[in-house]
C-alpha atoms as a PDB file:
ATOM      1  CA  MET A   1      -9.396  19.341 -17.356  1.00  0.00           C
ATOM      2  CA  PRO A   2      -6.355  19.409 -19.398  1.00  0.00           C
ATOM      3  CA  ARG A   3      -3.167  20.778 -17.292  1.00  0.00           C
ATOM      4  CA  LEU A   4      -0.002  22.065 -18.387  1.00  0.00           C
ATOM      5  CA  PRO A   5       2.529  19.284 -18.698  1.00  0.00           C
ATOM      6  CA  ARG A   6       5.379  19.409 -16.168  1.00  0.00           C
ATOM      7  CA  ARG A   7       8.064  21.421 -17.476  1.00  0.00           C
ATOM      8  CA  LEU A   8       6.263  22.734 -20.408  1.00  0.00           C
ATOM      9  CA  LEU A   9       8.181  25.238 -22.365  1.00  0.00           C
ATOM     10  CA  VAL A  10       6.321  28.335 -23.363  1.00  0.00           C
ATOM     11  CA  ILE A  11       8.088  30.906 -25.140  1.00  0.00           C
ATOM     12  CA  PRO A  12       6.420  34.234 -24.794  1.00  0.00           C
ATOM     13  CA  HIS A  13       4.781  35.755 -27.770  1.00  0.00           C
ATOM     14  CA  HIS A  14       5.890  32.760 -29.891  1.00  0.00           C
ATOM     15  CA  PRO A  15       3.374  30.638 -31.773  1.00  0.00           C
ATOM     16  CA  HIS A  16       2.800  27.091 -30.301  1.00  0.00           C
ATOM     17  CA  HIS A  17       1.417  24.009 -31.609  1.00  0.00           C
ATOM     18  CA  VAL A  18      -1.238  22.751 -28.970  1.00  0.00           C
ATOM     19  CA  ILE A  19      -2.656  19.130 -29.147  1.00  0.00           C
ATOM     20  CA  LEU A  20      -5.637  18.122 -27.012  1.00  0.00           C
ATOM     21  CA  ARG A  21      -6.539  14.232 -26.883  1.00  0.00           C
ATOM     22  CA  GLY A  22      -9.543  12.298 -25.648  1.00  0.00           C
ATOM     23  CA  ASN A  23      -8.764  10.525 -22.577  1.00  0.00           C
ATOM     24  CA  ASN A  24      -7.815   6.915 -23.411  1.00  0.00           C
ATOM     25  CA  ARG A  25      -8.606   7.790 -27.011  1.00  0.00           C
ATOM     26  CA  ARG A  26     -12.194   8.898 -26.005  1.00  0.00           C
ATOM     27  CA  ARG A  27     -14.221  10.327 -28.825  1.00  0.00           C
ATOM     28  CA  LEU A  28     -14.505  14.107 -28.541  1.00  0.00           C
ATOM     29  CA  PHE A  29     -16.900  14.889 -31.385  1.00  0.00           C
ATOM     30  CA  SER A  30     -19.766  12.742 -32.563  1.00  0.00           C
ATOM     31  CA  TYR A  31     -22.009  15.564 -34.181  1.00  0.00           C
ATOM     32  CA  PRO A  32     -21.538  18.835 -35.972  1.00  0.00           C
ATOM     33  CA  ARG A  33     -23.550  20.717 -33.299  1.00  0.00           C
ATOM     34  CA  GLU A  34     -20.639  19.445 -30.824  1.00  0.00           C
ATOM     35  CA  LYS A  35     -17.976  20.859 -33.093  1.00  0.00           C
ATOM     36  CA  HIS A  36     -20.022  24.225 -33.191  1.00  0.00           C
ATOM     37  CA  PHE A  37     -20.220  24.316 -29.309  1.00  0.00           C
ATOM     38  CA  PHE A  38     -16.615  23.735 -29.181  1.00  0.00           C
ATOM     39  CA  LEU A  39     -15.672  26.318 -31.657  1.00  0.00           C
ATOM     40  CA  SER A  40     -17.995  28.806 -29.888  1.00  0.00           C
ATOM     41  CA  ARG A  41     -16.159  28.229 -26.541  1.00  0.00           C
ATOM     42  CA  LEU A  42     -12.671  28.328 -28.263  1.00  0.00           C
ATOM     43  CA  PHE A  43     -13.790  31.712 -29.931  1.00  0.00           C
ATOM     44  CA  GLN A  44     -14.768  32.965 -26.396  1.00  0.00           C
ATOM     45  CA  GLY A  45     -11.678  31.894 -24.866  1.00  0.00           C
ATOM     46  CA  SER A  46      -9.563  33.620 -27.655  1.00  0.00           C
ATOM     47  CA  GLU A  47     -11.351  36.843 -27.203  1.00  0.00           C
ATOM     48  CA  LYS A  48     -11.250  36.685 -23.392  1.00  0.00           C
ATOM     49  CA  GLN A  49      -7.585  35.632 -23.019  1.00  0.00           C
ATOM     50  CA  ARG A  50      -6.362  37.518 -26.144  1.00  0.00           C
ATOM     51  CA  VAL A  51      -4.864  34.590 -27.521  1.00  0.00           C
ATOM     52  CA  PRO A  52      -4.851  34.659 -31.318  1.00  0.00           C
ATOM     53  CA  VAL A  53      -5.621  31.375 -33.118  1.00  0.00           C
ATOM     54  CA  HIS A  54      -3.502  30.819 -36.372  1.00  0.00           C
ATOM     55  CA  ALA A  55      -4.707  27.404 -37.353  1.00  0.00           C
ATOM     56  CA  ILE A  56      -7.354  24.621 -36.152  1.00  0.00           C
ATOM     57  CA  THR A  57      -8.102  21.206 -37.069  1.00  0.00           C
ATOM     58  CA  LEU A  58     -10.808  19.138 -35.127  1.00  0.00           C
ATOM     59  CA  MET A  59     -10.511  15.497 -35.562  1.00  0.00           C
ATOM     60  CA  THR A  60     -12.759  12.808 -33.900  1.00  0.00           C
ATOM     61  CA  ASN A  61     -10.723  12.272 -30.833  1.00  0.00           C
ATOM     62  CA  HIS A  62      -8.106  15.138 -30.854  1.00  0.00           C
ATOM     63  CA  VAL A  63      -7.759  18.743 -31.572  1.00  0.00           C
ATOM     64  CA  HIS A  64      -4.809  20.538 -33.332  1.00  0.00           C
ATOM     65  CA  LEU A  65      -4.481  24.325 -32.606  1.00  0.00           C
ATOM     66  CA  ILE A  66      -1.649  26.904 -33.575  1.00  0.00           C
ATOM     67  CA  VAL A  67      -1.691  29.820 -31.115  1.00  0.00           C
ATOM     68  CA  THR A  68       0.385  32.627 -29.647  1.00  0.00           C
ATOM     69  CA  PRO A  69       0.218  33.103 -25.978  1.00  0.00           C
ATOM     70  CA  CYS A  70       2.028  35.935 -23.972  1.00  0.00           C
ATOM     71  CA  ASP A  71       3.095  33.309 -21.248  1.00  0.00           C
ATOM     72  CA  HIS A  72       2.378  29.821 -19.673  1.00  0.00           C
ATOM     73  CA  LEU A  73      -0.348  31.124 -17.549  1.00  0.00           C
ATOM     74  CA  GLN A  74      -2.340  32.780 -20.493  1.00  0.00           C
ATOM     75  CA  LEU A  75      -2.070  29.678 -22.145  1.00  0.00           C
ATOM     76  CA  SER A  76      -3.315  27.459 -19.297  1.00  0.00           C
ATOM     77  CA  ARG A  77      -6.307  29.995 -18.818  1.00  0.00           C
ATOM     78  CA  PHE A  78      -7.010  30.000 -22.574  1.00  0.00           C
ATOM     79  CA  VAL A  79      -7.169  26.091 -22.680  1.00  0.00           C
ATOM     80  CA  ARG A  80      -9.246  25.707 -19.382  1.00  0.00           C
ATOM     81  CA  HIS A  81     -11.832  28.273 -20.660  1.00  0.00           C
ATOM     82  CA  PHE A  82     -12.842  26.216 -23.587  1.00  0.00           C
ATOM     83  CA  ALA A  83     -11.821  22.713 -22.755  1.00  0.00           C
ATOM     84  CA  GLN A  84     -13.532  22.605 -19.203  1.00  0.00           C
ATOM     85  CA  ARG A  85     -16.759  24.034 -20.673  1.00  0.00           C
ATOM     86  CA  TYR A  86     -16.887  21.731 -23.647  1.00  0.00           C
ATOM     87  CA  ALA A  87     -16.197  18.799 -21.372  1.00  0.00           C
ATOM     88  CA  GLN A  88     -19.087  19.863 -19.103  1.00  0.00           C
ATOM     89  CA  PHE A  89     -21.369  20.137 -22.275  1.00  0.00           C
ATOM     90  CA  ARG A  90     -20.277  16.715 -23.782  1.00  0.00           C
ATOM     91  CA  ASN A  91     -20.719  14.803 -20.633  1.00  0.00           C
ATOM     92  CA  ALA A  92     -24.311  16.544 -19.695  1.00  0.00           C
ATOM     93  CA  SER A  93     -25.564  15.900 -23.272  1.00  0.00           C
ATOM     94  CA  ARG A  94     -24.712  12.195 -23.203  1.00  0.00           C
ATOM     95  CA  GLY A  95     -25.313  11.364 -19.495  1.00  0.00           C
ATOM     96  CA  ALA A  96     -21.617  10.566 -18.985  1.00  0.00           C
ATOM     97  CA  THR A  97     -18.907  11.372 -16.298  1.00  0.00           C
ATOM     98  CA  GLY A  98     -15.189  11.262 -16.001  1.00  0.00           C
ATOM     99  CA  LYS A  99     -12.526  13.007 -17.799  1.00  0.00           C
ATOM    100  CA  LEU A 100     -13.073  13.747 -21.524  1.00  0.00           C
ATOM    101  CA  PHE A 101      -9.554  15.062 -22.332  1.00  0.00           C
ATOM    102  CA  GLU A 102      -6.140  13.638 -21.274  1.00  0.00           C
ATOM    103  CA  GLN A 103      -4.891  15.087 -18.210  1.00  0.00           C
ATOM    104  CA  ARG A 104      -2.128  16.966 -19.624  1.00  0.00           C
ATOM    105  CA  TYR A 105      -2.093  18.538 -23.183  1.00  0.00           C
ATOM    106  CA  ASN A 106       0.948  18.908 -25.555  1.00  0.00           C
ATOM    107  CA  CYS A 107       2.436  22.127 -26.393  1.00  0.00           C
ATOM    108  CA  ILE A 108       5.304  22.612 -28.890  1.00  0.00           C
ATOM    109  CA  PRO A 109       7.033  26.137 -29.284  1.00  0.00           C
ATOM    110  CA  ILE A 110       7.454  27.232 -32.758  1.00  0.00           C
ATOM    111  CA  THR A 111      10.494  29.234 -33.059  1.00  0.00           C
ATOM    112  CA  SER A 112      11.021  29.731 -36.933  1.00  0.00           C
ATOM    113  CA  ASP A 113       9.113  30.687 -40.313  1.00  0.00           C
ATOM    114  CA  ALA A 114      10.140  27.090 -41.373  1.00  0.00           C
ATOM    115  CA  GLN A 115       8.931  25.481 -38.363  1.00  0.00           C
ATOM    116  CA  MET A 116       5.701  27.428 -38.678  1.00  0.00           C
ATOM    117  CA  ALA A 117       5.126  26.476 -42.325  1.00  0.00           C
ATOM    118  CA  ILE A 118       5.602  22.829 -41.714  1.00  0.00           C
ATOM    119  CA  THR A 119       3.430  22.916 -38.495  1.00  0.00           C
ATOM    120  CA  THR A 120       0.615  24.448 -40.263  1.00  0.00           C
ATOM    121  CA  ALA A 121       0.716  22.189 -43.146  1.00  0.00           C
ATOM    122  CA  TYR A 122       1.033  19.193 -40.971  1.00  0.00           C
ATOM    123  CA  VAL A 123      -2.083  20.344 -38.916  1.00  0.00           C
ATOM    124  CA  GLU A 124      -4.078  20.847 -41.849  1.00  0.00           C
ATOM    125  CA  LEU A 125      -3.348  17.645 -43.572  1.00  0.00           C
ATOM    126  CA  ASN A 126      -4.544  15.533 -40.699  1.00  0.00           C
ATOM    127  CA  PRO A 127      -7.887  14.651 -42.388  1.00  0.00           C
ATOM    128  CA  VAL A 128      -6.386  13.529 -45.520  1.00  0.00           C
ATOM    129  CA  ARG A 129      -3.755  11.455 -43.649  1.00  0.00           C
ATOM    130  CA  SER A 130      -6.503   9.762 -41.614  1.00  0.00           C
ATOM    131  CA  ASN A 131      -8.483   9.042 -44.764  1.00  0.00           C
ATOM    132  CA  ILE A 132     -11.324  11.292 -43.970  1.00  0.00           C
ATOM    133  CA  CYS A 133     -11.425  13.071 -47.234  1.00  0.00           C
ATOM    134  CA  SER A 134      -9.213  12.954 -50.338  1.00  0.00           C
ATOM    135  CA  GLU A 135      -8.561  16.892 -50.376  1.00  0.00           C
ATOM    136  CA  PRO A 136      -7.973  19.196 -47.634  1.00  0.00           C
ATOM    137  CA  GLU A 137     -10.618  21.709 -48.788  1.00  0.00           C
ATOM    138  CA  ALA A 138     -13.361  19.064 -48.527  1.00  0.00           C
ATOM    139  CA  TYR A 139     -12.879  19.169 -44.692  1.00  0.00           C
ATOM    140  CA  ARG A 140     -14.995  21.849 -43.014  1.00  0.00           C
ATOM    141  CA  TRP A 141     -13.439  21.621 -39.649  1.00  0.00           C
ATOM    142  CA  SER A 142     -10.022  23.159 -40.310  1.00  0.00           C
ATOM    143  CA  THR A 143      -8.464  26.568 -41.327  1.00  0.00           C
ATOM    144  CA  TYR A 144      -7.218  25.039 -44.615  1.00  0.00           C
ATOM    145  CA  PRO A 145      -9.895  26.953 -46.665  1.00  0.00           C
ATOM    146  CA  GLN A 146      -8.795  30.329 -45.072  1.00  0.00           C
ATOM    147  CA  HIS A 147      -5.097  29.699 -45.771  1.00  0.00           C
ATOM    148  CA  ALA A 148      -5.709  28.277 -49.381  1.00  0.00           C
ATOM    149  CA  GLY A 149      -8.257  31.043 -50.336  1.00  0.00           C
ATOM    150  CA  TYR A 150     -11.105  28.733 -50.805  1.00  0.00           C
ATOM    151  CA  ARG A 151     -14.818  29.003 -49.793  1.00  0.00           C
ATOM    152  CA  ALA A 152     -15.094  28.611 -46.031  1.00  0.00           C
ATOM    153  CA  TYR A 153     -17.788  26.510 -44.567  1.00  0.00           C
ATOM    154  CA  GLU A 154     -17.627  27.469 -40.895  1.00  0.00           C
ATOM    155  CA  PRO A 155     -18.127  31.156 -40.035  1.00  0.00           C
ATOM    156  CA  LEU A 156     -17.004  30.426 -36.527  1.00  0.00           C
ATOM    157  CA  ILE A 157     -13.540  29.223 -37.927  1.00  0.00           C
ATOM    158  CA  SER A 158     -13.353  32.387 -40.129  1.00  0.00           C
ATOM    159  CA  LYS A 159     -14.020  34.466 -37.178  1.00  0.00           C
ATOM    160  CA  LEU A 160     -11.506  32.804 -35.064  1.00  0.00           C
ATOM    161  CA  TRP A 161      -8.668  32.540 -37.566  1.00  0.00           C
ATOM    162  CA  SER A 162      -5.956  35.164 -37.153  1.00  0.00           C
ATOM    163  CA  PRO A 163      -3.397  34.793 -39.891  1.00  0.00           C
ATOM    164  CA  SER A 164       0.216  34.259 -38.464  1.00  0.00           C
ATOM    165  CA  SER A 165       3.225  36.562 -39.374  1.00  0.00           C
ATOM    166  CA  TRP A 166       4.596  33.962 -41.426  1.00  0.00           C
ATOM    167  CA  TYR A 167       1.323  33.588 -43.489  1.00  0.00           C
ATOM    168  CA  GLN A 168       1.262  37.303 -43.884  1.00  0.00           C
ATOM    169  CA  SER A 169       4.695  37.264 -45.399  1.00  0.00           C
ATOM    170  CA  LEU A 170       3.865  35.107 -48.131  1.00  0.00           C
ATOM    171  CA  GLY A 171       2.406  37.865 -50.239  1.00  0.00           C
ATOM    172  CA  SER A 172       1.252  41.512 -50.451  1.00  0.00           C
ATOM    173  CA  ASP A 173      -2.236  40.582 -50.948  1.00  0.00           C
ATOM    174  CA  PRO A 174      -4.901  37.895 -49.980  1.00  0.00           C
ATOM    175  CA  ASN A 175      -4.634  36.189 -53.377  1.00  0.00           C
ATOM    176  CA  GLU A 176      -0.900  36.156 -53.563  1.00  0.00           C
ATOM    177  CA  ARG A 177      -0.694  34.584 -49.950  1.00  0.00           C
ATOM    178  CA  ALA A 178      -3.365  32.054 -50.873  1.00  0.00           C
ATOM    179  CA  ALA A 179      -1.519  31.013 -53.972  1.00  0.00           C
ATOM    180  CA  ALA A 180       1.834  30.786 -52.040  1.00  0.00           C
ATOM    181  CA  PHE A 181       0.286  28.658 -49.360  1.00  0.00           C
ATOM    182  CA  ARG A 182      -1.211  26.245 -51.777  1.00  0.00           C
ATOM    183  CA  ASP A 183       2.171  25.707 -53.503  1.00  0.00           C
ATOM    184  CA  TRP A 184       3.722  25.204 -50.309  1.00  0.00           C
ATOM    185  CA  PHE A 185       0.976  22.696 -48.977  1.00  0.00           C
ATOM    186  CA  ALA A 186       1.423  20.685 -52.206  1.00  0.00           C
ATOM    187  CA  TYR A 187       4.960  20.720 -51.618  1.00  0.00           C
ATOM    188  CA  TYR A 188       4.674  19.371 -48.231  1.00  0.00           C
ATOM    189  CA  ARG A 189       1.992  16.957 -49.085  1.00  0.00           C
ATOM    190  CA  ALA A 190       3.916  15.372 -51.749  1.00  0.00           C
ATOM    191  CA  ARG A 191       6.678  14.450 -48.928  1.00  0.00           C
ATOM    192  CA  ASP A 192       4.746  14.363 -45.852  1.00  0.00           C
ATOM    193  CA  ASP A 193       7.915  13.753 -43.902  1.00  0.00           C
ATOM    194  CA  TRP A 194       9.359  16.168 -41.477  1.00  0.00           C
ATOM    195  CA  SER A 195      12.991  15.130 -42.275  1.00  0.00           C
ATOM    196  CA  GLN A 196      12.536  15.774 -46.055  1.00  0.00           C
ATOM    197  CA  VAL A 197      10.410  18.793 -46.017  1.00  0.00           C
ATOM    198  CA  TYR A 198      12.546  20.797 -43.260  1.00  0.00           C
ATOM    199  CA  PRO A 199      14.615  23.037 -45.475  1.00  0.00           C
ATOM    200  CA  ASP A 200      18.233  22.722 -45.952  1.00  0.00           C
ATOM    201  CA  ARG A 201      19.974  26.003 -45.709  1.00  0.00           C
ATOM    202  CA  ARG A 202      22.275  24.991 -48.448  1.00  0.00           C
ATOM    203  CA  SER A 203      19.446  24.282 -50.801  1.00  0.00           C
ATOM    204  CA  HIS A 204      18.510  26.947 -52.996  1.00  0.00           C
ATOM    205  CA  ASP A 205      15.064  25.512 -53.824  1.00  0.00           C
ATOM    206  CA  ASP A 206      14.184  25.147 -50.037  1.00  0.00           C
ATOM    207  CA  ARG A 207      15.621  28.606 -49.241  1.00  0.00           C
ATOM    208  CA  LYS A 208      13.321  30.218 -51.618  1.00  0.00           C
ATOM    209  CA  ARG A 209      10.249  28.659 -50.130  1.00  0.00           C
ATOM    210  CA  PHE A 210      10.803  30.384 -46.990  1.00  0.00           C
ATOM    211  CA  GLU A 211      12.179  33.547 -48.206  1.00  0.00           C
ATOM    212  CA  ARG A 212      10.187  36.547 -47.259  1.00  0.00           C
ATOM    213  CA  PRO A 213       8.753  38.842 -50.280  1.00  0.00           C
ATOM    214  CA  ASP A 214      11.348  41.394 -49.622  1.00  0.00           C
ATOM    215  CA  ARG A 215      13.849  38.545 -50.092  1.00  0.00           C
ATOM    216  CA  SER A 216      15.142  38.622 -46.481  1.00  0.00           C
ATOM    217  CA  GLY A 217      15.779  34.959 -45.195  1.00  0.00           C
ATOM    218  CA  ALA A 218      13.290  33.484 -43.030  1.00  0.00           C
ATOM    219  CA  THR A 219      14.654  32.216 -39.765  1.00  0.00           C
END
């Protein structure tokens, strides 16, 4: 069962990038039914612990999430709820034993709109970067279709998805937000480098990309 890393920094009511990996690079998912089971437990955990899920990408041996917990205890209970039950399900269905997930999961606080924009794109570009698909909308196990305004293949992901305040700030209606997100994602994808994409506050072009519709500066 994944535990909180020592000295984990959880900033109350801020989004966090959470990464769970298979123990010793162990495969987490082999079949769609396993991903569906994982998503169902993730949904239950989100509802029970009241932790909104802003982005998801399920990969073969790891999972990316962006969530907003109230504190480190709530985050711990949330992860335990879905990870423990999924590990039991996976082991039982395959006659396996032992740890499925790494002992300690990673958790990175997101403290600005710029960081949220970059992290969301990073999470949803994973399948393309790993050569699983050529376009992110072709991958059904992420929230990219929800953000980009495309047809969603997985109802459970649509139910899970809770748009972040950064995403909601991209436009006044769903179409405007989706178009702005697609523009941002293409900009990030063309560079795919944190140091190049992270906005330079002196740059007018970069500043515009993180400016809210009311023209106030994003932090």
